[in-house]
Amino acid sequence: AIADTLAWSRETPGDWRAVWKRLE
C-alpha cells in the first residue's frame, strides 16, 4: 500500500485525489 502511494504520487504529483481513488 505504501509503495503504491509513492509510485502513484510520482505519476500524479499534483493530484492527491487521483491517488486516493486508486488506494480506495
mmCIF file of all heavy atoms, coordinates in Angstrom:
data_MODEL
# 
_entry.id   MODEL 
# 
loop_
_atom_site.group_PDB 
_atom_site.id 
_atom_site.type_symbol 
_atom_site.label_atom_id 
_atom_site.label_alt_id 
_atom_site.label_comp_id 
_atom_site.label_asym_id 
_atom_site.label_entity_id 
_atom_site.label_seq_id 
_atom_site.pdbx_PDB_ins_code 
_atom_site.Cartn_x 
_atom_site.Cartn_y 
_atom_site.Cartn_z 
_atom_site.occupancy 
_atom_site.B_iso_or_equiv 
_atom_site.pdbx_formal_charge 
_atom_site.auth_seq_id 
_atom_site.auth_comp_id 
_atom_site.auth_asym_id 
_atom_site.auth_atom_id 
_atom_site.pdbx_PDB_model_num 
ATOM 1   N N   . ALA A 1 1  ? 0.827   -1.210 0.000   1.00 0.00 ? 1  ALA A N   1 
ATOM 2   C CA  . ALA A 1 1  ? 0.000   0.000  0.000   1.00 0.00 ? 1  ALA A CA  1 
ATOM 3   C C   . ALA A 1 1  ? 0.860   1.259  0.000   1.00 0.00 ? 1  ALA A C   1 
ATOM 4   O O   . ALA A 1 1  ? 0.567   2.230  -0.711  1.00 0.00 ? 1  ALA A O   1 
ATOM 5   C CB  . ALA A 1 1  ? -0.941  -0.004 1.196   1.00 0.00 ? 1  ALA A CB  1 
ATOM 6   N N   . ILE A 1 2  ? 1.929   1.264  0.797   1.00 0.00 ? 2  ILE A N   1 
ATOM 7   C CA  . ILE A 1 2  ? 2.800   2.447  0.847   1.00 0.00 ? 2  ILE A CA  1 
ATOM 8   C C   . ILE A 1 2  ? 3.585   2.577  -0.454  1.00 0.00 ? 2  ILE A C   1 
ATOM 9   O O   . ILE A 1 2  ? 3.762   3.686  -0.983  1.00 0.00 ? 2  ILE A O   1 
ATOM 10  C CB  . ILE A 1 2  ? 3.754   2.369  2.049   1.00 0.00 ? 2  ILE A CB  1 
ATOM 11  C CG1 . ILE A 1 2  ? 2.947   2.266  3.360   1.00 0.00 ? 2  ILE A CG1 1 
ATOM 12  C CG2 . ILE A 1 2  ? 4.669   3.591  2.072   1.00 0.00 ? 2  ILE A CG2 1 
ATOM 13  C CD1 . ILE A 1 2  ? 1.957   3.385  3.595   1.00 0.00 ? 2  ILE A CD1 1 
ATOM 14  N N   . ALA A 1 3  ? 4.059   1.454  -0.993  1.00 0.00 ? 3  ALA A N   1 
ATOM 15  C CA  . ALA A 1 3  ? 4.775   1.501  -2.279  1.00 0.00 ? 3  ALA A CA  1 
ATOM 16  C C   . ALA A 1 3  ? 3.868   2.038  -3.379  1.00 0.00 ? 3  ALA A C   1 
ATOM 17  O O   . ALA A 1 3  ? 4.300   2.832  -4.228  1.00 0.00 ? 3  ALA A O   1 
ATOM 18  C CB  . ALA A 1 3  ? 5.291   0.109  -2.640  1.00 0.00 ? 3  ALA A CB  1 
ATOM 19  N N   . ASP A 1 4  ? 2.612   1.624  -3.366  1.00 0.00 ? 4  ASP A N   1 
ATOM 20  C CA  . ASP A 1 4  ? 1.662   2.136  -4.347  1.00 0.00 ? 4  ASP A CA  1 
ATOM 21  C C   . ASP A 1 4  ? 1.456   3.636  -4.168  1.00 0.00 ? 4  ASP A C   1 
ATOM 22  O O   . ASP A 1 4  ? 1.387   4.393  -5.157  1.00 0.00 ? 4  ASP A O   1 
ATOM 23  C CB  . ASP A 1 4  ? 0.322   1.419  -4.222  1.00 0.00 ? 4  ASP A CB  1 
ATOM 24  C CG  . ASP A 1 4  ? 0.339   0.017  -4.811  1.00 0.00 ? 4  ASP A CG  1 
ATOM 25  O OD1 . ASP A 1 4  ? 1.253   -0.277 -5.626  1.00 0.00 ? 4  ASP A OD1 1 
ATOM 26  O OD2 . ASP A 1 4  ? -0.559  -0.785 -4.476  1.00 0.00 ? 4  ASP A OD2 1 
ATOM 27  N N   . THR A 1 5  ? 1.346   4.076  -2.932  1.00 0.00 ? 5  THR A N   1 
ATOM 28  C CA  . THR A 1 5  ? 1.142   5.502  -2.670  1.00 0.00 ? 5  THR A CA  1 
ATOM 29  C C   . THR A 1 5  ? 2.311   6.319  -3.203  1.00 0.00 ? 5  THR A C   1 
ATOM 30  O O   . THR A 1 5  ? 2.120   7.385  -3.815  1.00 0.00 ? 5  THR A O   1 
ATOM 31  C CB  . THR A 1 5  ? 0.967   5.751  -1.165  1.00 0.00 ? 5  THR A CB  1 
ATOM 32  O OG1 . THR A 1 5  ? -0.068  4.902  -0.656  1.00 0.00 ? 5  THR A OG1 1 
ATOM 33  C CG2 . THR A 1 5  ? 0.590   7.198  -0.896  1.00 0.00 ? 5  THR A CG2 1 
ATOM 34  N N   . LEU A 1 6  ? 3.519   5.834  -2.985  1.00 0.00 ? 6  LEU A N   1 
ATOM 35  C CA  . LEU A 1 6  ? 4.703   6.513  -3.513  1.00 0.00 ? 6  LEU A CA  1 
ATOM 36  C C   . LEU A 1 6  ? 4.699   6.530  -5.037  1.00 0.00 ? 6  LEU A C   1 
ATOM 37  O O   . LEU A 1 6  ? 4.907   7.579  -5.658  1.00 0.00 ? 6  LEU A O   1 
ATOM 38  C CB  . LEU A 1 6  ? 5.969   5.824  -2.997  1.00 0.00 ? 6  LEU A CB  1 
ATOM 39  C CG  . LEU A 1 6  ? 6.467   6.247  -1.616  1.00 0.00 ? 6  LEU A CG  1 
ATOM 40  C CD1 . LEU A 1 6  ? 7.393   5.197  -1.032  1.00 0.00 ? 6  LEU A CD1 1 
ATOM 41  C CD2 . LEU A 1 6  ? 7.188   7.591  -1.710  1.00 0.00 ? 6  LEU A CD2 1 
ATOM 42  N N   . ALA A 1 7  ? 4.461   5.376  -5.648  1.00 0.00 ? 7  ALA A N   1 
ATOM 43  C CA  . ALA A 1 7  ? 4.513   5.283  -7.108  1.00 0.00 ? 7  ALA A CA  1 
ATOM 44  C C   . ALA A 1 7  ? 3.432   6.131  -7.756  1.00 0.00 ? 7  ALA A C   1 
ATOM 45  O O   . ALA A 1 7  ? 3.693   6.886  -8.713  1.00 0.00 ? 7  ALA A O   1 
ATOM 46  C CB  . ALA A 1 7  ? 4.374   3.823  -7.540  1.00 0.00 ? 7  ALA A CB  1 
ATOM 47  N N   . TRP A 1 8  ? 2.222   6.046  -7.263  1.00 0.00 ? 8  TRP A N   1 
ATOM 48  C CA  . TRP A 1 8  ? 1.115   6.800  -7.859  1.00 0.00 ? 8  TRP A CA  1 
ATOM 49  C C   . TRP A 1 8  ? 1.281   8.300  -7.621  1.00 0.00 ? 8  TRP A C   1 
ATOM 50  O O   . TRP A 1 8  ? 0.868   9.112  -8.453  1.00 0.00 ? 8  TRP A O   1 
ATOM 51  C CB  . TRP A 1 8  ? -0.213  6.310  -7.285  1.00 0.00 ? 8  TRP A CB  1 
ATOM 52  C CG  . TRP A 1 8  ? -0.515  4.875  -7.620  1.00 0.00 ? 8  TRP A CG  1 
ATOM 53  C CD1 . TRP A 1 8  ? -0.012  4.156  -8.662  1.00 0.00 ? 8  TRP A CD1 1 
ATOM 54  C CD2 . TRP A 1 8  ? -1.372  3.984  -6.891  1.00 0.00 ? 8  TRP A CD2 1 
ATOM 55  N NE1 . TRP A 1 8  ? -0.507  2.860  -8.636  1.00 0.00 ? 8  TRP A NE1 1 
ATOM 56  C CE2 . TRP A 1 8  ? -1.344  2.732  -7.571  1.00 0.00 ? 8  TRP A CE2 1 
ATOM 57  C CE3 . TRP A 1 8  ? -2.159  4.115  -5.757  1.00 0.00 ? 8  TRP A CE3 1 
ATOM 58  C CZ2 . TRP A 1 8  ? -2.073  1.633  -7.130  1.00 0.00 ? 8  TRP A CZ2 1 
ATOM 59  C CZ3 . TRP A 1 8  ? -2.888  3.020  -5.307  1.00 0.00 ? 8  TRP A CZ3 1 
ATOM 60  C CH2 . TRP A 1 8  ? -2.848  1.802  -5.990  1.00 0.00 ? 8  TRP A CH2 1 
ATOM 61  N N   . SER A 1 9  ? 1.897   8.669  -6.500  1.00 0.00 ? 9  SER A N   1 
ATOM 62  C CA  . SER A 1 9  ? 2.131   10.089 -6.228  1.00 0.00 ? 9  SER A CA  1 
ATOM 63  C C   . SER A 1 9  ? 3.165   10.663 -7.193  1.00 0.00 ? 9  SER A C   1 
ATOM 64  O O   . SER A 1 9  ? 3.096   11.842 -7.553  1.00 0.00 ? 9  SER A O   1 
ATOM 65  C CB  . SER A 1 9  ? 2.586   10.278 -4.778  1.00 0.00 ? 9  SER A CB  1 
ATOM 66  O OG  . SER A 1 9  ? 1.555   9.916  -3.870  1.00 0.00 ? 9  SER A OG  1 
ATOM 67  N N   . ARG A 1 10 ? 4.116   9.846  -7.598  1.00 0.00 ? 10 ARG A N   1 
ATOM 68  C CA  . ARG A 1 10 ? 5.077   10.304 -8.610  1.00 0.00 ? 10 ARG A CA  1 
ATOM 69  C C   . ARG A 1 10 ? 4.399   10.463 -9.968  1.00 0.00 ? 10 ARG A C   1 
ATOM 70  O O   . ARG A 1 10 ? 4.760   11.345 -10.751 1.00 0.00 ? 10 ARG A O   1 
ATOM 71  C CB  . ARG A 1 10 ? 6.244   9.316  -8.700  1.00 0.00 ? 10 ARG A CB  1 
ATOM 72  C CG  . ARG A 1 10 ? 7.108   9.240  -7.441  1.00 0.00 ? 10 ARG A CG  1 
ATOM 73  C CD  . ARG A 1 10 ? 8.343   8.385  -7.664  1.00 0.00 ? 10 ARG A CD  1 
ATOM 74  N NE  . ARG A 1 10 ? 9.087   8.206  -6.426  1.00 0.00 ? 10 ARG A NE  1 
ATOM 75  C CZ  . ARG A 1 10 ? 9.117   7.069  -5.717  1.00 0.00 ? 10 ARG A CZ  1 
ATOM 76  N NH1 . ARG A 1 10 ? 8.434   6.015  -6.158  1.00 0.00 ? 10 ARG A NH1 1 
ATOM 77  N NH2 . ARG A 1 10 ? 9.813   6.982  -4.606  1.00 0.00 ? 10 ARG A NH2 1 
ATOM 78  N N   . GLU A 1 11 ? 3.428   9.597  -10.254 1.00 0.00 ? 11 GLU A N   1 
ATOM 79  C CA  . GLU A 1 11 ? 2.728   9.667  -11.538 1.00 0.00 ? 11 GLU A CA  1 
ATOM 80  C C   . GLU A 1 11 ? 1.823   10.892 -11.619 1.00 0.00 ? 11 GLU A C   1 
ATOM 81  O O   . GLU A 1 11 ? 1.692   11.504 -12.693 1.00 0.00 ? 11 GLU A O   1 
ATOM 82  C CB  . GLU A 1 11 ? 1.891   8.400  -11.744 1.00 0.00 ? 11 GLU A CB  1 
ATOM 83  C CG  . GLU A 1 11 ? 2.708   7.134  -11.937 1.00 0.00 ? 11 GLU A CG  1 
ATOM 84  C CD  . GLU A 1 11 ? 1.830   5.890  -12.003 1.00 0.00 ? 11 GLU A CD  1 
ATOM 85  O OE1 . GLU A 1 11 ? 0.594   6.035  -12.206 1.00 0.00 ? 11 GLU A OE1 1 
ATOM 86  O OE2 . GLU A 1 11 ? 2.368   4.775  -11.850 1.00 0.00 ? 11 GLU A OE2 1 
ATOM 87  N N   . THR A 1 12 ? 1.182   11.243 -10.506 1.00 0.00 ? 12 THR A N   1 
ATOM 88  C CA  . THR A 1 12 ? 0.292   12.406 -10.486 1.00 0.00 ? 12 THR A CA  1 
ATOM 89  C C   . THR A 1 12 ? 0.670   13.299 -9.306  1.00 0.00 ? 12 THR A C   1 
ATOM 90  O O   . THR A 1 12 ? -0.078  13.392 -8.321  1.00 0.00 ? 12 THR A O   1 
ATOM 91  C CB  . THR A 1 12 ? -1.185  11.970 -10.374 1.00 0.00 ? 12 THR A CB  1 
ATOM 92  O OG1 . THR A 1 12 ? -1.353  11.169 -9.183  1.00 0.00 ? 12 THR A OG1 1 
ATOM 93  C CG2 . THR A 1 12 ? -1.607  11.160 -11.585 1.00 0.00 ? 12 THR A CG2 1 
ATOM 94  N N   . PRO A 1 13 ? 1.822   13.965 -9.378  1.00 0.00 ? 13 PRO A N   1 
ATOM 95  C CA  . PRO A 1 13 ? 2.322   14.715 -8.227  1.00 0.00 ? 13 PRO A CA  1 
ATOM 96  C C   . PRO A 1 13 ? 1.417   15.867 -7.797  1.00 0.00 ? 13 PRO A C   1 
ATOM 97  O O   . PRO A 1 13 ? 1.488   16.309 -6.654  1.00 0.00 ? 13 PRO A O   1 
ATOM 98  C CB  . PRO A 1 13 ? 3.683   15.234 -8.702  1.00 0.00 ? 13 PRO A CB  1 
ATOM 99  C CG  . PRO A 1 13 ? 3.592   15.236 -10.195 1.00 0.00 ? 13 PRO A CG  1 
ATOM 100 C CD  . PRO A 1 13 ? 2.728   14.061 -10.545 1.00 0.00 ? 13 PRO A CD  1 
ATOM 101 N N   . GLY A 1 14 ? 0.580   16.365 -8.680  1.00 0.00 ? 14 GLY A N   1 
ATOM 102 C CA  . GLY A 1 14 ? -0.285  17.478 -8.318  1.00 0.00 ? 14 GLY A CA  1 
ATOM 103 C C   . GLY A 1 14 ? -1.719  17.079 -8.039  1.00 0.00 ? 14 GLY A C   1 
ATOM 104 O O   . GLY A 1 14 ? -2.589  17.952 -7.906  1.00 0.00 ? 14 GLY A O   1 
ATOM 105 N N   . ASP A 1 15 ? -1.984  15.786 -7.949  1.00 0.00 ? 15 ASP A N   1 
ATOM 106 C CA  . ASP A 1 15 ? -3.368  15.331 -7.818  1.00 0.00 ? 15 ASP A CA  1 
ATOM 107 C C   . ASP A 1 15 ? -3.473  14.229 -6.776  1.00 0.00 ? 15 ASP A C   1 
ATOM 108 O O   . ASP A 1 15 ? -3.502  13.045 -7.099  1.00 0.00 ? 15 ASP A O   1 
ATOM 109 C CB  . ASP A 1 15 ? -3.878  14.843 -9.177  1.00 0.00 ? 15 ASP A CB  1 
ATOM 110 C CG  . ASP A 1 15 ? -5.380  14.582 -9.198  1.00 0.00 ? 15 ASP A CG  1 
ATOM 111 O OD1 . ASP A 1 15 ? -6.013  14.682 -8.125  1.00 0.00 ? 15 ASP A OD1 1 
ATOM 112 O OD2 . ASP A 1 15 ? -5.913  14.263 -10.276 1.00 0.00 ? 15 ASP A OD2 1 
ATOM 113 N N   . TRP A 1 16 ? -3.547  14.610 -5.531  1.00 0.00 ? 16 TRP A N   1 
ATOM 114 C CA  . TRP A 1 16 ? -3.641  13.601 -4.464  1.00 0.00 ? 16 TRP A CA  1 
ATOM 115 C C   . TRP A 1 16 ? -4.972  12.871 -4.507  1.00 0.00 ? 16 TRP A C   1 
ATOM 116 O O   . TRP A 1 16 ? -5.061  11.712 -4.083  1.00 0.00 ? 16 TRP A O   1 
ATOM 117 C CB  . TRP A 1 16 ? -3.411  14.223 -3.091  1.00 0.00 ? 16 TRP A CB  1 
ATOM 118 C CG  . TRP A 1 16 ? -4.475  15.167 -2.606  1.00 0.00 ? 16 TRP A CG  1 
ATOM 119 C CD1 . TRP A 1 16 ? -4.486  16.524 -2.727  1.00 0.00 ? 16 TRP A CD1 1 
ATOM 120 C CD2 . TRP A 1 16 ? -5.675  14.825 -1.900  1.00 0.00 ? 16 TRP A CD2 1 
ATOM 121 N NE1 . TRP A 1 16 ? -5.609  17.060 -2.155  1.00 0.00 ? 16 TRP A NE1 1 
ATOM 122 C CE2 . TRP A 1 16 ? -6.366  16.032 -1.630  1.00 0.00 ? 16 TRP A CE2 1 
ATOM 123 C CE3 . TRP A 1 16 ? -6.231  13.620 -1.454  1.00 0.00 ? 16 TRP A CE3 1 
ATOM 124 C CZ2 . TRP A 1 16 ? -7.578  16.071 -0.955  1.00 0.00 ? 16 TRP A CZ2 1 
ATOM 125 C CZ3 . TRP A 1 16 ? -7.447  13.646 -0.781  1.00 0.00 ? 16 TRP A CZ3 1 
ATOM 126 C CH2 . TRP A 1 16 ? -8.110  14.860 -0.537  1.00 0.00 ? 16 TRP A CH2 1 
ATOM 127 N N   . ARG A 1 17 ? -6.002  13.525 -5.034  1.00 0.00 ? 17 ARG A N   1 
ATOM 128 C CA  . ARG A 1 17 ? -7.306  12.871 -5.119  1.00 0.00 ? 17 ARG A CA  1 
ATOM 129 C C   . ARG A 1 17 ? -7.269  11.661 -6.050  1.00 0.00 ? 17 ARG A C   1 
ATOM 130 O O   . ARG A 1 17 ? -7.941  10.645 -5.802  1.00 0.00 ? 17 ARG A O   1 
ATOM 131 C CB  . ARG A 1 17 ? -8.370  13.871 -5.580  1.00 0.00 ? 17 ARG A CB  1 
ATOM 132 C CG  . ARG A 1 17 ? -8.798  14.861 -4.504  1.00 0.00 ? 17 ARG A CG  1 
ATOM 133 C CD  . ARG A 1 17 ? -9.761  15.898 -5.053  1.00 0.00 ? 17 ARG A CD  1 
ATOM 134 N NE  . ARG A 1 17 ? -10.377 16.688 -3.986  1.00 0.00 ? 17 ARG A NE  1 
ATOM 135 C CZ  . ARG A 1 17 ? -9.793  17.712 -3.398  1.00 0.00 ? 17 ARG A CZ  1 
ATOM 136 N NH1 . ARG A 1 17 ? -8.560  18.081 -3.790  1.00 0.00 ? 17 ARG A NH1 1 
ATOM 137 N NH2 . ARG A 1 17 ? -10.401 18.389 -2.433  1.00 0.00 ? 17 ARG A NH2 1 
ATOM 138 N N   . ALA A 1 18 ? -6.487  11.744 -7.105  1.00 0.00 ? 18 ALA A N   1 
ATOM 139 C CA  . ALA A 1 18 ? -6.349  10.604 -8.015  1.00 0.00 ? 18 ALA A CA  1 
ATOM 140 C C   . ALA A 1 18 ? -5.685  9.432  -7.303  1.00 0.00 ? 18 ALA A C   1 
ATOM 141 O O   . ALA A 1 18 ? -6.069  8.269  -7.507  1.00 0.00 ? 18 ALA A O   1 
ATOM 142 C CB  . ALA A 1 18 ? -5.543  11.011 -9.251  1.00 0.00 ? 18 ALA A CB  1 
ATOM 143 N N   . VAL A 1 19 ? -4.690  9.720  -6.475  1.00 0.00 ? 19 VAL A N   1 
ATOM 144 C CA  . VAL A 1 19 ? -4.024  8.662  -5.699  1.00 0.00 ? 19 VAL A CA  1 
ATOM 145 C C   . VAL A 1 19 ? -4.997  8.081  -4.678  1.00 0.00 ? 19 VAL A C   1 
ATOM 146 O O   . VAL A 1 19 ? -5.077  6.854  -4.502  1.00 0.00 ? 19 VAL A O   1 
ATOM 147 C CB  . VAL A 1 19 ? -2.767  9.214  -5.002  1.00 0.00 ? 19 VAL A CB  1 
ATOM 148 C CG1 . VAL A 1 19 ? -2.066  8.104  -4.214  1.00 0.00 ? 19 VAL A CG1 1 
ATOM 149 C CG2 . VAL A 1 19 ? -1.816  9.823  -6.016  1.00 0.00 ? 19 VAL A CG2 1 
ATOM 150 N N   . TRP A 1 20 ? -5.757  8.942  -4.019  1.00 0.00 ? 20 TRP A N   1 
ATOM 151 C CA  . TRP A 1 20 ? -6.748  8.479  -3.048  1.00 0.00 ? 20 TRP A CA  1 
ATOM 152 C C   . TRP A 1 20 ? -7.723  7.502  -3.698  1.00 0.00 ? 20 TRP A C   1 
ATOM 153 O O   . TRP A 1 20 ? -8.049  6.468  -3.123  1.00 0.00 ? 20 TRP A O   1 
ATOM 154 C CB  . TRP A 1 20 ? -7.506  9.688  -2.480  1.00 0.00 ? 20 TRP A CB  1 
ATOM 155 C CG  . TRP A 1 20 ? -8.524  9.335  -1.433  1.00 0.00 ? 20 TRP A CG  1 
ATOM 156 C CD1 . TRP A 1 20 ? -8.341  9.343  -0.081  1.00 0.00 ? 20 TRP A CD1 1 
ATOM 157 C CD2 . TRP A 1 20 ? -9.878  8.907  -1.646  1.00 0.00 ? 20 TRP A CD2 1 
ATOM 158 N NE1 . TRP A 1 20 ? -9.501  8.951  0.566   1.00 0.00 ? 20 TRP A NE1 1 
ATOM 159 C CE2 . TRP A 1 20 ? -10.462 8.673  -0.380  1.00 0.00 ? 20 TRP A CE2 1 
ATOM 160 C CE3 . TRP A 1 20 ? -10.655 8.695  -2.782  1.00 0.00 ? 20 TRP A CE3 1 
ATOM 161 C CZ2 . TRP A 1 20 ? -11.776 8.246  -0.215  1.00 0.00 ? 20 TRP A CZ2 1 
ATOM 162 C CZ3 . TRP A 1 20 ? -11.964 8.259  -2.623  1.00 0.00 ? 20 TRP A CZ3 1 
ATOM 163 C CH2 . TRP A 1 20 ? -12.514 8.051  -1.360  1.00 0.00 ? 20 TRP A CH2 1 
ATOM 164 N N   . LYS A 1 21 ? -8.170  7.828  -4.882  1.00 0.00 ? 21 LYS A N   1 
ATOM 165 C CA  . LYS A 1 21 ? -9.135  6.965  -5.575  1.00 0.00 ? 21 LYS A CA  1 
ATOM 166 C C   . LYS A 1 21 ? -8.523  5.603  -5.871  1.00 0.00 ? 21 LYS A C   1 
ATOM 167 O O   . LYS A 1 21 ? -9.179  4.563  -5.698  1.00 0.00 ? 21 LYS A O   1 
ATOM 168 C CB  . LYS A 1 21 ? -9.595  7.632  -6.867  1.00 0.00 ? 21 LYS A CB  1 
ATOM 169 C CG  . LYS A 1 21 ? -10.664 6.837  -7.605  1.00 0.00 ? 21 LYS A CG  1 
ATOM 170 C CD  . LYS A 1 21 ? -11.154 7.566  -8.843  1.00 0.00 ? 21 LYS A CD  1 
ATOM 171 C CE  . LYS A 1 21 ? -12.224 6.750  -9.561  1.00 0.00 ? 21 LYS A CE  1 
ATOM 172 N NZ  . LYS A 1 21 ? -12.706 7.438  -10.796 1.00 0.00 ? 21 LYS A NZ  1 
ATOM 173 N N   . ARG A 1 22 ? -7.273  5.568  -6.292  1.00 0.00 ? 22 ARG A N   1 
ATOM 174 C CA  . ARG A 1 22 ? -6.632  4.293  -6.593  1.00 0.00 ? 22 ARG A CA  1 
ATOM 175 C C   . ARG A 1 22 ? -6.413  3.479  -5.314  1.00 0.00 ? 22 ARG A C   1 
ATOM 176 O O   . ARG A 1 22 ? -6.533  2.245  -5.319  1.00 0.00 ? 22 ARG A O   1 
ATOM 177 C CB  . ARG A 1 22 ? -5.310  4.536  -7.331  1.00 0.00 ? 22 ARG A CB  1 
ATOM 178 C CG  . ARG A 1 22 ? -5.502  5.168  -8.702  1.00 0.00 ? 22 ARG A CG  1 
ATOM 179 C CD  . ARG A 1 22 ? -4.205  5.462  -9.398  1.00 0.00 ? 22 ARG A CD  1 
ATOM 180 N NE  . ARG A 1 22 ? -3.579  4.251  -9.917  1.00 0.00 ? 22 ARG A NE  1 
ATOM 181 C CZ  . ARG A 1 22 ? -2.502  4.258  -10.705 1.00 0.00 ? 22 ARG A CZ  1 
ATOM 182 N NH1 . ARG A 1 22 ? -1.915  5.413  -11.030 1.00 0.00 ? 22 ARG A NH1 1 
ATOM 183 N NH2 . ARG A 1 22 ? -1.989  3.123  -11.124 1.00 0.00 ? 22 ARG A NH2 1 
ATOM 184 N N   . LEU A 1 23 ? -6.091  4.157  -4.216  1.00 0.00 ? 23 LEU A N   1 
ATOM 185 C CA  . LEU A 1 23 ? -5.961  3.452  -2.935  1.00 0.00 ? 23 LEU A CA  1 
ATOM 186 C C   . LEU A 1 23 ? -7.294  2.835  -2.536  1.00 0.00 ? 23 LEU A C   1 
ATOM 187 O O   . LEU A 1 23 ? -7.352  1.692  -2.065  1.00 0.00 ? 23 LEU A O   1 
ATOM 188 C CB  . LEU A 1 23 ? -5.500  4.427  -1.844  1.00 0.00 ? 23 LEU A CB  1 
ATOM 189 C CG  . LEU A 1 23 ? -4.037  4.857  -1.879  1.00 0.00 ? 23 LEU A CG  1 
ATOM 190 C CD1 . LEU A 1 23 ? -3.808  6.031  -0.936  1.00 0.00 ? 23 LEU A CD1 1 
ATOM 191 C CD2 . LEU A 1 23 ? -3.122  3.689  -1.511  1.00 0.00 ? 23 LEU A CD2 1 
ATOM 192 N N   . GLU A 1 24 ? -8.364  3.579  -2.730  1.00 0.00 ? 24 GLU A N   1 
ATOM 193 C CA  . GLU A 1 24 ? -9.695  3.088  -2.395  1.00 0.00 ? 24 GLU A CA  1 
ATOM 194 C C   . GLU A 1 24 ? -10.033 1.832  -3.194  1.00 0.00 ? 24 GLU A C   1 
ATOM 195 O O   . GLU A 1 24 ? -10.557 0.855  -2.670  1.00 0.00 ? 24 GLU A O   1 
ATOM 196 C CB  . GLU A 1 24 ? -10.719 4.189  -2.681  1.00 0.00 ? 24 GLU A CB  1 
ATOM 197 C CG  . GLU A 1 24 ? -12.150 3.823  -2.378  1.00 0.00 ? 24 GLU A CG  1 
ATOM 198 C CD  . GLU A 1 24 ? -12.451 3.773  -0.899  1.00 0.00 ? 24 GLU A CD  1 
ATOM 199 O OE1 . GLU A 1 24 ? -11.634 4.290  -0.097  1.00 0.00 ? 24 GLU A OE1 1 
ATOM 200 O OE2 . GLU A 1 24 ? -13.479 3.202  -0.537  1.00 0.00 ? 24 GLU A OE2 1 
# 
